[in-house]
Amino acid sequence: QVQLVESGGGLVQPGGSLRLSCTGSGVTLDYYAIGWFRQAPGKQREGISCISFSDGSTYYADSVKGRFTISRDNAENTVFLQMSSLQPEDTAVYYCAADLTRSICTYYTETSYYDWDYWGQGTQVTVSS
C-alpha cells in the first residue's frame, strides 16, 4: 500500500520556523516529482513548491519564495519543506503530492488533484501569537 505521510506541522508564532516532512511508504520517492500544496479555510488549494526527480530542480510560488526551501533526502525517502519567517497568512493544511511525470513541476501550480499519483493526508500549520 502506497502512502505519503506528512509531519512537522504545529502552532508557531509569527516569524518562526517549521520543517515539514513528506515520507513515502510503499513507494520510492527518488523517481517522483514532489509538490507541496496548502489550503486555508475558505480558500482554494495553492501550489507552493515543487522538486523534480530528474535534476532536483526546485520551484516556488511567489508567496513563499525566499522563505521556504524544498529539499529531498533519498536515503530517508523523504522530501522536506523548511519554512521560515512564517506569517499568519501561512496558516493552512499543508499537503504533499507525488507524481511520475518528469515535467510536472514546470506547471504544478496549474495542476488539479487528479494530476498527481499520490497525496498525503495533510498536516496543519497554524501561525499565531
C-alpha atoms as a PDB file:
ATOM      1  CA  GLN A   1       0.000   0.000   0.000  1.00  0.00           C
ATOM      2  CA  VAL A   2       1.392   3.347  -1.065  1.00  0.00           C
ATOM      3  CA  GLN A   3       1.239   6.195   1.384  1.00  0.00           C
ATOM      4  CA  LEU A   4       2.639   9.683   1.705  1.00  0.00           C
ATOM      5  CA  VAL A   5       2.818  10.826   5.294  1.00  0.00           C
ATOM      6  CA  GLU A   6       3.273  14.480   6.166  1.00  0.00           C
ATOM      7  CA  SER A   7       4.548  15.526   9.562  1.00  0.00           C
ATOM      8  CA  GLY A   8       6.056  18.526  11.284  1.00  0.00           C
ATOM      9  CA  GLY A   9       3.077  20.832  11.401  1.00  0.00           C
ATOM     10  CA  GLY A  10       2.019  22.687  14.502  1.00  0.00           C
ATOM     11  CA  LEU A  11       1.494  26.047  16.136  1.00  0.00           C
ATOM     12  CA  VAL A  12       4.197  28.639  15.687  1.00  0.00           C
ATOM     13  CA  GLN A  13       4.463  32.337  16.398  1.00  0.00           C
ATOM     14  CA  PRO A  14       4.826  34.874  13.570  1.00  0.00           C
ATOM     15  CA  GLY A  15       8.417  34.994  12.424  1.00  0.00           C
ATOM     16  CA  GLY A  16       9.011  31.420  13.487  1.00  0.00           C
ATOM     17  CA  SER A  17      10.046  28.348  11.539  1.00  0.00           C
ATOM     18  CA  LEU A  18       8.828  24.822  10.930  1.00  0.00           C
ATOM     19  CA  ARG A  19      10.099  21.941   8.862  1.00  0.00           C
ATOM     20  CA  LEU A  20       7.547  19.719   7.201  1.00  0.00           C
ATOM     21  CA  SER A  21       8.360  16.199   6.084  1.00  0.00           C
ATOM     22  CA  CYS A  22       6.751  14.074   3.409  1.00  0.00           C
ATOM     23  CA  THR A  23       7.780  10.435   3.761  1.00  0.00           C
ATOM     24  CA  GLY A  24       6.945   7.682   1.326  1.00  0.00           C
ATOM     25  CA  SER A  25       5.732   4.264   2.411  1.00  0.00           C
ATOM     26  CA  GLY A  26       5.440   1.540  -0.196  1.00  0.00           C
ATOM     27  CA  VAL A  27       6.909   3.887  -2.786  1.00  0.00           C
ATOM     28  CA  THR A  28      10.412   5.099  -3.579  1.00  0.00           C
ATOM     29  CA  LEU A  29      10.224   8.862  -3.856  1.00  0.00           C
ATOM     30  CA  ASP A  30      13.507   9.062  -5.796  1.00  0.00           C
ATOM     31  CA  TYR A  31      11.554   8.622  -9.012  1.00  0.00           C
ATOM     32  CA  TYR A  32       8.771  11.051  -8.254  1.00  0.00           C
ATOM     33  CA  ALA A  33       8.325  14.758  -8.522  1.00  0.00           C
ATOM     34  CA  ILE A  34       7.047  16.035  -5.186  1.00  0.00           C
ATOM     35  CA  GLY A  35       4.805  19.025  -4.824  1.00  0.00           C
ATOM     36  CA  TRP A  36       3.752  20.869  -1.699  1.00  0.00           C
ATOM     37  CA  PHE A  37       0.311  22.437  -1.575  1.00  0.00           C
ATOM     38  CA  ARG A  38      -1.665  24.218   1.082  1.00  0.00           C
ATOM     39  CA  GLN A  39      -5.286  25.015   1.668  1.00  0.00           C
ATOM     40  CA  ALA A  40      -6.550  27.621   4.087  1.00  0.00           C
ATOM     41  CA  PRO A  41     -10.164  27.645   5.308  1.00  0.00           C
ATOM     42  CA  GLY A  42     -12.452  29.039   2.661  1.00  0.00           C
ATOM     43  CA  LYS A  43      -9.680  29.271   0.076  1.00  0.00           C
ATOM     44  CA  GLN A  44      -8.632  27.222  -2.898  1.00  0.00           C
ATOM     45  CA  ARG A  45      -5.704  24.868  -2.721  1.00  0.00           C
ATOM     46  CA  GLU A  46      -2.453  26.640  -3.570  1.00  0.00           C
ATOM     47  CA  GLY A  47       0.659  25.059  -5.030  1.00  0.00           C
ATOM     48  CA  ILE A  48       3.612  26.455  -3.164  1.00  0.00           C
ATOM     49  CA  SER A  49       6.658  24.409  -4.096  1.00  0.00           C
ATOM     50  CA  CYS A  50       7.844  21.502  -6.198  1.00  0.00           C
ATOM     51  CA  ILE A  51      11.016  19.475  -6.641  1.00  0.00           C
ATOM     52  CA  SER A  52      11.718  17.387  -9.688  1.00  0.00           C
ATOM     53  CA  PHE A  53      13.272  13.925  -9.594  1.00  0.00           C
ATOM     54  CA  SER A  54      15.339  14.199 -12.758  1.00  0.00           C
ATOM     55  CA  ASP A  55      17.696  17.025 -11.842  1.00  0.00           C
ATOM     56  CA  GLY A  56      16.424  18.210  -8.473  1.00  0.00           C
ATOM     57  CA  SER A  57      15.147  21.493  -9.860  1.00  0.00           C
ATOM     58  CA  THR A  58      13.078  23.424  -7.369  1.00  0.00           C
ATOM     59  CA  TYR A  59      10.140  25.732  -7.880  1.00  0.00           C
ATOM     60  CA  TYR A  60       8.420  28.182  -5.561  1.00  0.00           C
ATOM     61  CA  ALA A  61       5.287  30.271  -5.599  1.00  0.00           C
ATOM     62  CA  ASP A  62       5.852  33.992  -5.182  1.00  0.00           C
ATOM     63  CA  SER A  63       4.030  33.853  -1.856  1.00  0.00           C
ATOM     64  CA  VAL A  64       6.767  31.704  -0.303  1.00  0.00           C
ATOM     65  CA  LYS A  65       9.849  32.462  -2.377  1.00  0.00           C
ATOM     66  CA  GLY A  66      12.786  33.395  -0.204  1.00  0.00           C
ATOM     67  CA  ARG A  67      11.146  31.990   2.921  1.00  0.00           C
ATOM     68  CA  PHE A  68      10.554  28.308   2.114  1.00  0.00           C
ATOM     69  CA  THR A  69      13.055  25.741   0.914  1.00  0.00           C
ATOM     70  CA  ILE A  70      12.214  22.351  -0.545  1.00  0.00           C
ATOM     71  CA  SER A  71      14.727  19.530  -0.481  1.00  0.00           C
ATOM     72  CA  ARG A  72      14.854  15.785  -0.692  1.00  0.00           C
ATOM     73  CA  ASP A  73      16.761  13.085   1.138  1.00  0.00           C
ATOM     74  CA  ASN A  74      16.555   9.945  -0.923  1.00  0.00           C
ATOM     75  CA  ALA A  75      18.220   7.876   1.773  1.00  0.00           C
ATOM     76  CA  GLU A  76      15.341   8.737   4.086  1.00  0.00           C
ATOM     77  CA  ASN A  77      12.766   8.550   1.288  1.00  0.00           C
ATOM     78  CA  THR A  78      11.618  11.971   2.434  1.00  0.00           C
ATOM     79  CA  VAL A  79      11.057  15.418   0.995  1.00  0.00           C
ATOM     80  CA  PHE A  80      11.290  18.382   3.330  1.00  0.00           C
ATOM     81  CA  LEU A  81       9.778  21.830   3.287  1.00  0.00           C
ATOM     82  CA  GLN A  82      11.712  24.200   5.507  1.00  0.00           C
ATOM     83  CA  MET A  83       9.534  27.187   6.315  1.00  0.00           C
ATOM     84  CA  SER A  84      10.856  30.348   7.904  1.00  0.00           C
ATOM     85  CA  SER A  85       9.589  33.860   8.584  1.00  0.00           C
ATOM     86  CA  LEU A  86       6.127  32.374   8.928  1.00  0.00           C
ATOM     87  CA  GLN A  87       3.180  34.735   8.952  1.00  0.00           C
ATOM     88  CA  PRO A  88      -0.483  34.298   9.895  1.00  0.00           C
ATOM     89  CA  GLU A  89      -1.371  34.093   6.203  1.00  0.00           C
ATOM     90  CA  ASP A  90       0.688  30.903   6.005  1.00  0.00           C
ATOM     91  CA  THR A  91      -1.866  29.172   8.228  1.00  0.00           C
ATOM     92  CA  ALA A  92      -3.291  26.237   6.298  1.00  0.00           C
ATOM     93  CA  VAL A  93      -3.322  22.496   5.941  1.00  0.00           C
ATOM     94  CA  TYR A  94      -0.203  21.504   4.030  1.00  0.00           C
ATOM     95  CA  TYR A  95      -0.204  18.535   1.669  1.00  0.00           C
ATOM     96  CA  CYS A  96       2.463  16.794  -0.337  1.00  0.00           C
ATOM     97  CA  ALA A  97       1.808  15.003  -3.595  1.00  0.00           C
ATOM     98  CA  ALA A  98       3.891  12.695  -5.780  1.00  0.00           C
ATOM     99  CA  ASP A  99       3.865  12.055  -9.497  1.00  0.00           C
ATOM    100  CA  LEU A 100       5.987  10.204 -12.025  1.00  0.00           C
ATOM    101  CA  THR A 101       5.559  12.845 -14.734  1.00  0.00           C
ATOM    102  CA  ARG A 102       9.004  14.270 -15.391  1.00  0.00           C
ATOM    103  CA  SER A 103       7.845  17.794 -16.199  1.00  0.00           C
ATOM    104  CA  ILE A 104       5.015  18.235 -13.738  1.00  0.00           C
ATOM    105  CA  CYS A 105       6.931  20.728 -11.611  1.00  0.00           C
ATOM    106  CA  THR A 106       7.030  23.152 -14.515  1.00  0.00           C
ATOM    107  CA  TYR A 107       3.253  23.548 -14.280  1.00  0.00           C
ATOM    108  CA  TYR A 108       2.473  22.321 -10.783  1.00  0.00           C
ATOM    109  CA  THR A 109       0.553  25.456  -9.800  1.00  0.00           C
ATOM    110  CA  GLU A 110      -1.959  24.681 -12.554  1.00  0.00           C
ATOM    111  CA  THR A 111      -2.465  21.027 -11.669  1.00  0.00           C
ATOM    112  CA  SER A 112      -5.571  19.508 -10.189  1.00  0.00           C
ATOM    113  CA  TYR A 113      -5.875  16.850  -7.539  1.00  0.00           C
ATOM    114  CA  TYR A 114      -6.203  14.171 -10.213  1.00  0.00           C
ATOM    115  CA  ASP A 115      -2.952  15.113 -11.947  1.00  0.00           C
ATOM    116  CA  TRP A 116      -0.938  13.595  -9.106  1.00  0.00           C
ATOM    117  CA  ASP A 117      -0.451   9.902  -8.438  1.00  0.00           C
ATOM    118  CA  TYR A 118      -0.458  10.132  -4.653  1.00  0.00           C
ATOM    119  CA  TRP A 119      -1.417  12.582  -1.937  1.00  0.00           C
ATOM    120  CA  GLY A 120      -0.680  12.734   1.749  1.00  0.00           C
ATOM    121  CA  GLN A 121      -3.309  13.290   4.413  1.00  0.00           C
ATOM    122  CA  GLY A 122      -2.137  16.786   5.288  1.00  0.00           C
ATOM    123  CA  THR A 123      -0.612  18.472   8.304  1.00  0.00           C
ATOM    124  CA  GLN A 124      -1.931  21.601   9.972  1.00  0.00           C
ATOM    125  CA  VAL A 125       0.257  24.670  10.258  1.00  0.00           C
ATOM    126  CA  THR A 126      -1.040  27.498  12.416  1.00  0.00           C
ATOM    127  CA  VAL A 127       0.829  30.771  12.713  1.00  0.00           C
ATOM    128  CA  SER A 128      -0.477  32.844  15.577  1.00  0.00           C
ATOM    129  CA  SER A 129       0.694  34.817  18.556  1.00  0.00           C
END
